[in-house]
Amino acid sequence: VRAKECPACQSLNALNARTCVTCGHEWTRDEAPKH
């Protein structure tokens, strides 16, 4: 898996992104995928 889905707008982001490039949703460390 080389991308992750934003739970707010379903845009695909880099796995290491902390902020969604489309809607600005911020991931907490607990949301980060295992990969």
Full PDB file with SEQRES, HELIX, SHEET, SSBOND, CRYST1, ORIGX, SCALE, CONECT and MASTER records, all heavy atoms in Angstrom:
SEQRES   1 A   35  VAL ARG ALA LYS GLU CYS PRO ALA CYS GLN SER LEU ASN          
SEQRES   2 A   35  ALA LEU ASN ALA ARG THR CYS VAL THR CYS GLY HIS GLU          
SEQRES   3 A   35  TRP THR ARG ASP GLU ALA PRO LYS HIS                          
HELIX    1 AA1 ARG A   29  GLU A   31  5                                   3    
SHEET    1 AA1 2 LYS A   4  GLU A   5  0                                        
SHEET    2 AA1 2 LEU A  12  ASN A  13 -1                                        
CRYST1    1.000    1.000    1.000  90.00  90.00  90.00 P 1           1          
ORIGX1      1.000000  0.000000  0.000000        0.00000                         
ORIGX2      0.000000  1.000000  0.000000        0.00000                         
ORIGX3      0.000000  0.000000  1.000000        0.00000                         
SCALE1      1.000000  0.000000  0.000000        0.00000                         
SCALE2      0.000000  1.000000  0.000000        0.00000                         
SCALE3      0.000000  0.000000  1.000000        0.00000                         
ATOM      1  N   VAL A   1       0.851  -1.176   0.000  1.00  0.00           N  
ATOM      2  CA  VAL A   1       0.000   0.000   0.000  1.00  0.00           C  
ATOM      3  C   VAL A   1       0.888   1.227   0.000  1.00  0.00           C  
ATOM      4  O   VAL A   1       1.743   1.384   0.858  1.00  0.00           O  
ATOM      5  CB  VAL A   1      -0.919   0.005   1.234  1.00  0.00           C  
ATOM      6  CG1 VAL A   1      -1.764   1.265   1.271  1.00  0.00           C  
ATOM      7  CG2 VAL A   1      -1.807  -1.233   1.224  1.00  0.00           C  
ATOM      8  N   ARG A   2       0.698   2.136  -0.984  1.00  0.00           N  
ATOM      9  CA  ARG A   2       1.563   3.303  -1.126  1.00  0.00           C  
ATOM     10  C   ARG A   2       0.789   4.613  -1.010  1.00  0.00           C  
ATOM     11  O   ARG A   2       1.310   5.659  -1.348  1.00  0.00           O  
ATOM     12  CB  ARG A   2       2.296   3.246  -2.475  1.00  0.00           C  
ATOM     13  CG  ARG A   2       3.301   2.100  -2.553  1.00  0.00           C  
ATOM     14  CD  ARG A   2       3.916   2.009  -3.928  1.00  0.00           C  
ATOM     15  NE  ARG A   2       4.924   0.974  -3.991  1.00  0.00           N  
ATOM     16  CZ  ARG A   2       6.235   1.199  -3.963  1.00  0.00           C  
ATOM     17  NH1 ARG A   2       6.691   2.427  -3.864  1.00  0.00           N  
ATOM     18  NH2 ARG A   2       7.093   0.207  -4.034  1.00  0.00           N  
ATOM     19  N   ALA A   3      -0.460   4.571  -0.585  1.00  0.00           N  
ATOM     20  CA  ALA A   3      -1.242   5.786  -0.383  1.00  0.00           C  
ATOM     21  C   ALA A   3      -2.323   5.487   0.639  1.00  0.00           C  
ATOM     22  O   ALA A   3      -2.663   4.335   0.891  1.00  0.00           O  
ATOM     23  CB  ALA A   3      -1.863   6.248  -1.704  1.00  0.00           C  
ATOM     24  N   LYS A   4      -2.839   6.546   1.258  1.00  0.00           N  
ATOM     25  CA  LYS A   4      -3.896   6.341   2.250  1.00  0.00           C  
ATOM     26  C   LYS A   4      -5.071   7.259   1.933  1.00  0.00           C  
ATOM     27  O   LYS A   4      -4.909   8.319   1.321  1.00  0.00           O  
ATOM     28  CB  LYS A   4      -3.374   6.595   3.662  1.00  0.00           C  
ATOM     29  CG  LYS A   4      -2.930   8.033   3.940  1.00  0.00           C  
ATOM     30  CD  LYS A   4      -2.376   8.152   5.349  1.00  0.00           C  
ATOM     31  CE  LYS A   4      -1.888   9.570   5.645  1.00  0.00           C  
ATOM     32  NZ  LYS A   4      -1.284   9.687   6.975  1.00  0.00           N  
ATOM     33  N   GLU A   5      -6.239   6.841   2.364  1.00  0.00           N  
ATOM     34  CA  GLU A   5      -7.476   7.562   2.065  1.00  0.00           C  
ATOM     35  C   GLU A   5      -7.826   8.511   3.205  1.00  0.00           C  
ATOM     36  O   GLU A   5      -7.760   8.145   4.384  1.00  0.00           O  
ATOM     37  CB  GLU A   5      -8.605   6.548   1.870  1.00  0.00           C  
ATOM     38  CG  GLU A   5      -9.963   7.158   1.638  1.00  0.00           C  
ATOM     39  CD  GLU A   5     -11.034   6.089   1.535  1.00  0.00           C  
ATOM     40  OE1 GLU A   5     -10.682   4.921   1.281  1.00  0.00           O  
ATOM     41  OE2 GLU A   5     -12.216   6.424   1.717  1.00  0.00           O  
ATOM     42  N   CYS A   6      -8.198   9.736   2.834  1.00  0.00           N  
ATOM     43  CA  CYS A   6      -8.657  10.692   3.833  1.00  0.00           C  
ATOM     44  C   CYS A   6     -10.055  10.285   4.303  1.00  0.00           C  
ATOM     45  O   CYS A   6     -10.954  10.090   3.474  1.00  0.00           O  
ATOM     46  CB  CYS A   6      -8.692  12.102   3.240  1.00  0.00           C  
ATOM     47  SG  CYS A   6      -9.458  13.322   4.334  1.00  0.00           S  
ATOM     48  N   PRO A   7     -10.271  10.153   5.610  1.00  0.00           N  
ATOM     49  CA  PRO A   7     -11.594   9.735   6.093  1.00  0.00           C  
ATOM     50  C   PRO A   7     -12.670  10.809   5.903  1.00  0.00           C  
ATOM     51  O   PRO A   7     -13.856  10.502   5.935  1.00  0.00           O  
ATOM     52  CB  PRO A   7     -11.348   9.478   7.588  1.00  0.00           C  
ATOM     53  CG  PRO A   7     -10.167  10.334   7.938  1.00  0.00           C  
ATOM     54  CD  PRO A   7      -9.306  10.331   6.706  1.00  0.00           C  
ATOM     55  N   ALA A   8     -12.249  12.045   5.659  1.00  0.00           N  
ATOM     56  CA  ALA A   8     -13.215  13.122   5.510  1.00  0.00           C  
ATOM     57  C   ALA A   8     -13.699  13.308   4.079  1.00  0.00           C  
ATOM     58  O   ALA A   8     -14.883  13.516   3.837  1.00  0.00           O  
ATOM     59  CB  ALA A   8     -12.614  14.435   6.021  1.00  0.00           C  
ATOM     60  N   CYS A   9     -12.761  13.226   3.094  1.00  0.00           N  
ATOM     61  CA  CYS A   9     -13.159  13.532   1.710  1.00  0.00           C  
ATOM     62  C   CYS A   9     -12.785  12.429   0.721  1.00  0.00           C  
ATOM     63  O   CYS A   9     -13.027  12.563  -0.470  1.00  0.00           O  
ATOM     64  CB  CYS A   9     -12.541  14.854   1.254  1.00  0.00           C  
ATOM     65  SG  CYS A   9     -10.754  14.777   0.990  1.00  0.00           S  
ATOM     66  N   GLN A  10     -12.151  11.344   1.179  1.00  0.00           N  
ATOM     67  CA  GLN A  10     -11.777  10.191   0.356  1.00  0.00           C  
ATOM     68  C   GLN A  10     -10.666  10.471  -0.663  1.00  0.00           C  
ATOM     69  O   GLN A  10     -10.431   9.683  -1.558  1.00  0.00           O  
ATOM     70  CB  GLN A  10     -12.998   9.595  -0.391  1.00  0.00           C  
ATOM     71  CG  GLN A  10     -13.992   8.885   0.517  1.00  0.00           C  
ATOM     72  CD  GLN A  10     -14.808   9.847   1.329  1.00  0.00           C  
ATOM     73  OE1 GLN A  10     -15.443  10.753   0.779  1.00  0.00           O  
ATOM     74  NE2 GLN A  10     -14.806   9.699   2.639  1.00  0.00           N  
ATOM     75  N   SER A  11     -10.004  11.616  -0.560  1.00  0.00           N  
ATOM     76  CA  SER A  11      -8.845  11.850  -1.423  1.00  0.00           C  
ATOM     77  C   SER A  11      -7.710  10.932  -1.002  1.00  0.00           C  
ATOM     78  O   SER A  11      -7.594  10.558   0.170  1.00  0.00           O  
ATOM     79  CB  SER A  11      -8.376  13.311  -1.322  1.00  0.00           C  
ATOM     80  OG  SER A  11      -9.322  14.173  -1.906  1.00  0.00           O  
ATOM     81  N   LEU A  12      -6.855  10.564  -1.984  1.00  0.00           N  
ATOM     82  CA  LEU A  12      -5.687   9.752  -1.678  1.00  0.00           C  
ATOM     83  C   LEU A  12      -4.508  10.664  -1.380  1.00  0.00           C  
ATOM     84  O   LEU A  12      -4.241  11.620  -2.097  1.00  0.00           O  
ATOM     85  CB  LEU A  12      -5.355   8.827  -2.845  1.00  0.00           C  
ATOM     86  CG  LEU A  12      -6.388   7.735  -3.129  1.00  0.00           C  
ATOM     87  CD1 LEU A  12      -5.946   6.879  -4.298  1.00  0.00           C  
ATOM     88  CD2 LEU A  12      -6.623   6.871  -1.902  1.00  0.00           C  
ATOM     89  N   ASN A  13      -3.791  10.349  -0.315  1.00  0.00           N  
ATOM     90  CA  ASN A  13      -2.654  11.138   0.139  1.00  0.00           C  
ATOM     91  C   ASN A  13      -1.446  10.240   0.313  1.00  0.00           C  
ATOM     92  O   ASN A  13      -1.559   9.014   0.445  1.00  0.00           O  
ATOM     93  CB  ASN A  13      -2.966  11.805   1.483  1.00  0.00           C  
ATOM     94  CG  ASN A  13      -3.976  12.929   1.372  1.00  0.00           C  
ATOM     95  OD1 ASN A  13      -3.629  14.090   1.464  1.00  0.00           O  
ATOM     96  ND2 ASN A  13      -5.251  12.586   1.170  1.00  0.00           N  
ATOM     97  N   ALA A  14      -0.261  10.867   0.361  1.00  0.00           N  
ATOM     98  CA  ALA A  14       0.942  10.117   0.683  1.00  0.00           C  
ATOM     99  C   ALA A  14       0.791   9.488   2.055  1.00  0.00           C  
ATOM    100  O   ALA A  14       0.166  10.050   2.953  1.00  0.00           O  
ATOM    101  CB  ALA A  14       2.164  11.044   0.660  1.00  0.00           C  
ATOM    102  N   LEU A  15       1.401   8.314   2.223  1.00  0.00           N  
ATOM    103  CA  LEU A  15       1.255   7.608   3.486  1.00  0.00           C  
ATOM    104  C   LEU A  15       1.808   8.415   4.663  1.00  0.00           C  
ATOM    105  O   LEU A  15       1.338   8.289   5.788  1.00  0.00           O  
ATOM    106  CB  LEU A  15       1.976   6.257   3.408  1.00  0.00           C  
ATOM    107  CG  LEU A  15       1.248   5.163   2.624  1.00  0.00           C  
ATOM    108  CD1 LEU A  15       2.144   3.969   2.468  1.00  0.00           C  
ATOM    109  CD2 LEU A  15      -0.040   4.773   3.306  1.00  0.00           C  
ATOM    110  N   ASN A  16       2.827   9.225   4.409  1.00  0.00           N  
ATOM    111  CA  ASN A  16       3.415   9.989   5.508  1.00  0.00           C  
ATOM    112  C   ASN A  16       2.804  11.381   5.664  1.00  0.00           C  
ATOM    113  O   ASN A  16       3.299  12.195   6.422  1.00  0.00           O  
ATOM    114  CB  ASN A  16       4.933  10.105   5.326  1.00  0.00           C  
ATOM    115  CG  ASN A  16       5.299  10.761   4.017  1.00  0.00           C  
ATOM    116  OD1 ASN A  16       4.439  11.011   3.174  1.00  0.00           O  
ATOM    117  ND2 ASN A  16       6.584  11.037   3.827  1.00  0.00           N  
ATOM    118  N   ALA A  17       1.707  11.665   4.940  1.00  0.00           N  
ATOM    119  CA  ALA A  17       1.058  12.974   5.060  1.00  0.00           C  
ATOM    120  C   ALA A  17       0.362  13.086   6.416  1.00  0.00           C  
ATOM    121  O   ALA A  17      -0.268  12.146   6.896  1.00  0.00           O  
ATOM    122  CB  ALA A  17       0.044  13.163   3.941  1.00  0.00           C  
ATOM    123  N   ARG A  18       0.470  14.262   7.036  1.00  0.00           N  
ATOM    124  CA  ARG A  18      -0.228  14.528   8.292  1.00  0.00           C  
ATOM    125  C   ARG A  18      -1.463  15.384   8.064  1.00  0.00           C  
ATOM    126  O   ARG A  18      -2.328  15.483   8.931  1.00  0.00           O  
ATOM    127  CB  ARG A  18       0.725  15.235   9.263  1.00  0.00           C  
ATOM    128  CG  ARG A  18       1.850  14.346   9.769  1.00  0.00           C  
ATOM    129  CD  ARG A  18       1.302  13.172  10.546  1.00  0.00           C  
ATOM    130  NE  ARG A  18       2.358  12.304  11.039  1.00  0.00           N  
ATOM    131  CZ  ARG A  18       2.139  11.109  11.581  1.00  0.00           C  
ATOM    132  NH1 ARG A  18       0.903  10.639  11.652  1.00  0.00           N  
ATOM    133  NH2 ARG A  18       3.136  10.378  12.000  1.00  0.00           N  
ATOM    134  N   THR A  19      -1.524  16.050   6.885  1.00  0.00           N  
ATOM    135  CA  THR A  19      -2.656  16.907   6.549  1.00  0.00           C  
ATOM    136  C   THR A  19      -3.152  16.557   5.159  1.00  0.00           C  
ATOM    137  O   THR A  19      -2.350  16.431   4.231  1.00  0.00           O  
ATOM    138  CB  THR A  19      -2.248  18.390   6.592  1.00  0.00           C  
ATOM    139  OG1 THR A  19      -1.707  18.688   7.872  1.00  0.00           O  
ATOM    140  CG2 THR A  19      -3.447  19.293   6.322  1.00  0.00           C  
ATOM    141  N   CYS A  20      -4.456  16.375   4.972  1.00  0.00           N  
ATOM    142  CA  CYS A  20      -5.013  16.043   3.667  1.00  0.00           C  
ATOM    143  C   CYS A  20      -4.798  17.203   2.696  1.00  0.00           C  
ATOM    144  O   CYS A  20      -5.065  18.366   3.030  1.00  0.00           O  
ATOM    145  CB  CYS A  20      -6.504  15.745   3.785  1.00  0.00           C  
ATOM    146  SG  CYS A  20      -7.303  15.452   2.175  1.00  0.00           S  
ATOM    147  N   VAL A  21      -4.329  16.867   1.484  1.00  0.00           N  
ATOM    148  CA  VAL A  21      -4.034  17.904   0.497  1.00  0.00           C  
ATOM    149  C   VAL A  21      -5.307  18.541  -0.057  1.00  0.00           C  
ATOM    150  O   VAL A  21      -5.257  19.617  -0.646  1.00  0.00           O  
ATOM    151  CB  VAL A  21      -3.207  17.318  -0.666  1.00  0.00           C  
ATOM    152  CG1 VAL A  21      -1.894  16.784  -0.157  1.00  0.00           C  
ATOM    153  CG2 VAL A  21      -3.973  16.221  -1.395  1.00  0.00           C  
ATOM    154  N   THR A  22      -6.448  17.887   0.124  1.00  0.00           N  
ATOM    155  CA  THR A  22      -7.699  18.398  -0.444  1.00  0.00           C  
ATOM    156  C   THR A  22      -8.530  19.182   0.559  1.00  0.00           C  
ATOM    157  O   THR A  22      -8.944  20.315   0.303  1.00  0.00           O  
ATOM    158  CB  THR A  22      -8.541  17.240  -1.008  1.00  0.00           C  
ATOM    159  OG1 THR A  22      -7.778  16.566  -2.012  1.00  0.00           O  
ATOM    160  CG2 THR A  22      -9.835  17.750  -1.628  1.00  0.00           C  
ATOM    161  N   CYS A  23      -8.764  18.590   1.732  1.00  0.00           N  
ATOM    162  CA  CYS A  23      -9.691  19.223   2.675  1.00  0.00           C  
ATOM    163  C   CYS A  23      -9.031  19.717   3.954  1.00  0.00           C  
ATOM    164  O   CYS A  23      -9.681  20.369   4.771  1.00  0.00           O  
ATOM    165  CB  CYS A  23     -10.818  18.261   3.025  1.00  0.00           C  
ATOM    166  SG  CYS A  23     -10.285  16.862   4.057  1.00  0.00           S  
ATOM    167  N   GLY A  24      -7.759  19.389   4.166  1.00  0.00           N  
ATOM    168  CA  GLY A  24      -7.060  19.865   5.347  1.00  0.00           C  
ATOM    169  C   GLY A  24      -7.220  18.989   6.571  1.00  0.00           C  
ATOM    170  O   GLY A  24      -6.724  19.340   7.660  1.00  0.00           O  
ATOM    171  N   HIS A  25      -7.896  17.852   6.463  1.00  0.00           N  
ATOM    172  CA  HIS A  25      -8.031  16.943   7.602  1.00  0.00           C  
ATOM    173  C   HIS A  25      -6.653  16.595   8.166  1.00  0.00           C  
ATOM    174  O   HIS A  25      -5.715  16.321   7.414  1.00  0.00           O  
ATOM    175  CB  HIS A  25      -8.741  15.659   7.165  1.00  0.00           C  
ATOM    176  CG  HIS A  25      -8.661  14.563   8.188  1.00  0.00           C  
ATOM    177  ND1 HIS A  25      -9.490  14.512   9.286  1.00  0.00           N  
ATOM    178  CD2 HIS A  25      -7.836  13.479   8.279  1.00  0.00           C  
ATOM    179  CE1 HIS A  25      -9.185  13.443  10.009  1.00  0.00           C  
ATOM    180  NE2 HIS A  25      -8.192  12.797   9.416  1.00  0.00           N  
ATOM    181  N   GLU A  26      -6.517  16.608   9.476  1.00  0.00           N  
ATOM    182  CA  GLU A  26      -5.250  16.300  10.121  1.00  0.00           C  
ATOM    183  C   GLU A  26      -5.316  14.917  10.746  1.00  0.00           C  
ATOM    184  O   GLU A  26      -6.220  14.619  11.525  1.00  0.00           O  
ATOM    185  CB  GLU A  26      -4.907  17.345  11.179  1.00  0.00           C  
ATOM    186  CG  GLU A  26      -4.628  18.730  10.597  1.00  0.00           C  
ATOM    187  CD  GLU A  26      -4.176  19.713  11.649  1.00  0.00           C  
ATOM    188  OE1 GLU A  26      -4.029  19.301  12.819  1.00  0.00           O  
ATOM    189  OE2 GLU A  26      -3.959  20.896  11.306  1.00  0.00           O  
ATOM    190  N   TRP A  27      -4.346  14.085  10.397  1.00  0.00           N  
ATOM    191  CA  TRP A  27      -4.262  12.763  10.992  1.00  0.00           C  
ATOM    192  C   TRP A  27      -3.540  12.838  12.340  1.00  0.00           C  
ATOM    193  O   TRP A  27      -2.515  13.531  12.464  1.00  0.00           O  
ATOM    194  CB  TRP A  27      -3.490  11.799  10.084  1.00  0.00           C  
ATOM    195  CG  TRP A  27      -4.293  11.169   9.006  1.00  0.00           C  
ATOM    196  CD1 TRP A  27      -5.061  10.056   9.081  1.00  0.00           C  
ATOM    197  CD2 TRP A  27      -4.396  11.622   7.646  1.00  0.00           C  
ATOM    198  NE1 TRP A  27      -5.647   9.776   7.861  1.00  0.00           N  
ATOM    199  CE2 TRP A  27      -5.252  10.724   6.959  1.00  0.00           C  
ATOM    200  CE3 TRP A  27      -3.861  12.700   6.936  1.00  0.00           C  
ATOM    201  CZ2 TRP A  27      -5.560  10.858   5.612  1.00  0.00           C  
ATOM    202  CZ3 TRP A  27      -4.164  12.841   5.604  1.00  0.00           C  
ATOM    203  CH2 TRP A  27      -5.016  11.930   4.955  1.00  0.00           C  
ATOM    204  N   THR A  28      -4.063  12.147  13.323  1.00  0.00           N  
ATOM    205  CA  THR A  28      -3.304  11.956  14.552  1.00  0.00           C  
ATOM    206  C   THR A  28      -2.449  10.729  14.365  1.00  0.00           C  
ATOM    207  O   THR A  28      -2.635   9.937  13.435  1.00  0.00           O  
ATOM    208  CB  THR A  28      -4.254  11.742  15.746  1.00  0.00           C  
ATOM    209  OG1 THR A  28      -4.971  10.513  15.538  1.00  0.00           O  
ATOM    210  CG2 THR A  28      -5.245  12.885  15.872  1.00  0.00           C  
ATOM    211  N   ARG A  29      -1.484  10.532  15.236  1.00  0.00           N  
ATOM    212  CA  ARG A  29      -0.591   9.392  15.062  1.00  0.00           C  
ATOM    213  C   ARG A  29      -1.353   8.078  15.120  1.00  0.00           C  
ATOM    214  O   ARG A  29      -1.001   7.113  14.452  1.00  0.00           O  
ATOM    215  CB  ARG A  29       0.515   9.423  16.109  1.00  0.00           C  
ATOM    216  CG  ARG A  29       1.571   8.348  15.911  1.00  0.00           C  
ATOM    217  CD  ARG A  29       2.839   8.672  16.651  1.00  0.00           C  
ATOM    218  NE  ARG A  29       3.474   9.875  16.144  1.00  0.00           N  
ATOM    219  CZ  ARG A  29       4.262   9.897  15.082  1.00  0.00           C  
ATOM    220  NH1 ARG A  29       4.507   8.794  14.406  1.00  0.00           N  
ATOM    221  NH2 ARG A  29       4.812  11.024  14.682  1.00  0.00           N  
ATOM    222  N   ASP A  30      -2.445   8.031  15.884  1.00  0.00           N  
ATOM    223  CA  ASP A  30      -3.214   6.789  15.976  1.00  0.00           C  
ATOM    224  C   ASP A  30      -3.884   6.448  14.661  1.00  0.00           C  
ATOM    225  O   ASP A  30      -4.194   5.292  14.400  1.00  0.00           O  
ATOM    226  CB  ASP A  30      -4.276   6.913  17.068  1.00  0.00           C  
ATOM    227  CG  ASP A  30      -3.671   6.952  18.454  1.00  0.00           C  
ATOM    228  OD1 ASP A  30      -2.519   6.468  18.597  1.00  0.00           O  
ATOM    229  OD2 ASP A  30      -4.335   7.462  19.362  1.00  0.00           O  
ATOM    230  N   GLU A  31      -4.154   7.462  13.799  1.00  0.00           N  
ATOM    231  CA  GLU A  31      -4.820   7.212  12.531  1.00  0.00           C  
ATOM    232  C   GLU A  31      -3.863   6.696  11.477  1.00  0.00           C  
ATOM    233  O   GLU A  31      -4.281   6.214  10.453  1.00  0.00           O  
ATOM    234  CB  GLU A  31      -5.455   8.502  12.000  1.00  0.00           C  
ATOM    235  CG  GLU A  31      -6.713   8.916  12.716  1.00  0.00           C  
ATOM    236  CD  GLU A  31      -7.276  10.145  12.060  1.00  0.00           C  
ATOM    237  OE1 GLU A  31      -6.830  11.249  12.394  1.00  0.00           O  
ATOM    238  OE2 GLU A  31      -8.173  10.000  11.201  1.00  0.00           O  
ATOM    239  N   ALA A  32      -2.574   6.869  11.673  1.00  0.00           N  
ATOM    240  CA  ALA A  32      -1.597   6.514  10.639  1.00  0.00           C  
ATOM    241  C   ALA A  32      -1.647   5.021  10.370  1.00  0.00           C  
ATOM    242  O   ALA A  32      -1.739   4.212  11.292  1.00  0.00           O  
ATOM    243  CB  ALA A  32      -0.191   6.904  11.084  1.00  0.00           C  
ATOM    244  N   PRO A  33      -1.592   4.593   9.106  1.00  0.00           N  
ATOM    245  CA  PRO A  33      -1.652   3.172   8.781  1.00  0.00           C  
ATOM    246  C   PRO A  33      -0.415   2.434   9.261  1.00  0.00           C  
ATOM    247  O   PRO A  33       0.641   3.030   9.469  1.00  0.00           O  
ATOM    248  CB  PRO A  33      -1.745   3.162   7.251  1.00  0.00           C  
ATOM    249  CG  PRO A  33      -1.151   4.457   6.831  1.00  0.00           C  
ATOM    250  CD  PRO A  33      -1.481   5.427   7.906  1.00  0.00           C  
ATOM    251  N   LYS A  34      -0.541   1.133   9.409  1.00  0.00           N  
ATOM    252  CA  LYS A  34       0.568   0.316   9.888  1.00  0.00           C  
ATOM    253  C   LYS A  34       1.757   0.354   8.945  1.00  0.00           C  
ATOM    254  O   LYS A  34       2.877   0.087   9.336  1.00  0.00           O  
ATOM    255  CB  LYS A  34       0.103  -1.134  10.078  1.00  0.00           C  
ATOM    256  CG  LYS A  34      -0.972  -1.279  11.154  1.00  0.00           C  
ATOM    257  CD  LYS A  34      -1.420  -2.713  11.274  1.00  0.00           C  
ATOM    258  CE  LYS A  34      -2.498  -2.876  12.324  1.00  0.00           C  
ATOM    259  NZ  LYS A  34      -2.968  -4.284  12.432  1.00  0.00           N  
ATOM    260  N   HIS A  35       1.504   0.662   7.670  1.00  0.00           N  
ATOM    261  CA  HIS A  35       2.586   0.663   6.691  1.00  0.00           C  
ATOM    262  C   HIS A  35       3.392   1.953   6.712  1.00  0.00           C  
ATOM    263  O   HIS A  35       4.318   2.112   5.947  1.00  0.00           O  
ATOM    264  CB  HIS A  35       2.015   0.491   5.281  1.00  0.00           C  
ATOM    265  CG  HIS A  35       1.280  -0.802   5.099  1.00  0.00           C  
ATOM    266  ND1 HIS A  35      -0.011  -0.964   5.519  1.00  0.00           N  
ATOM    267  CD2 HIS A  35       1.661  -1.973   4.547  1.00  0.00           C  
ATOM    268  CE1 HIS A  35      -0.421  -2.196   5.220  1.00  0.00           C  
ATOM    269  NE2 HIS A  35       0.576  -2.819   4.629  1.00  0.00           N  
TER     270      HIS A  35                                                      
MASTER        0    0    0    1    2    0    0    6  269    1    0    3          
END                                                                             
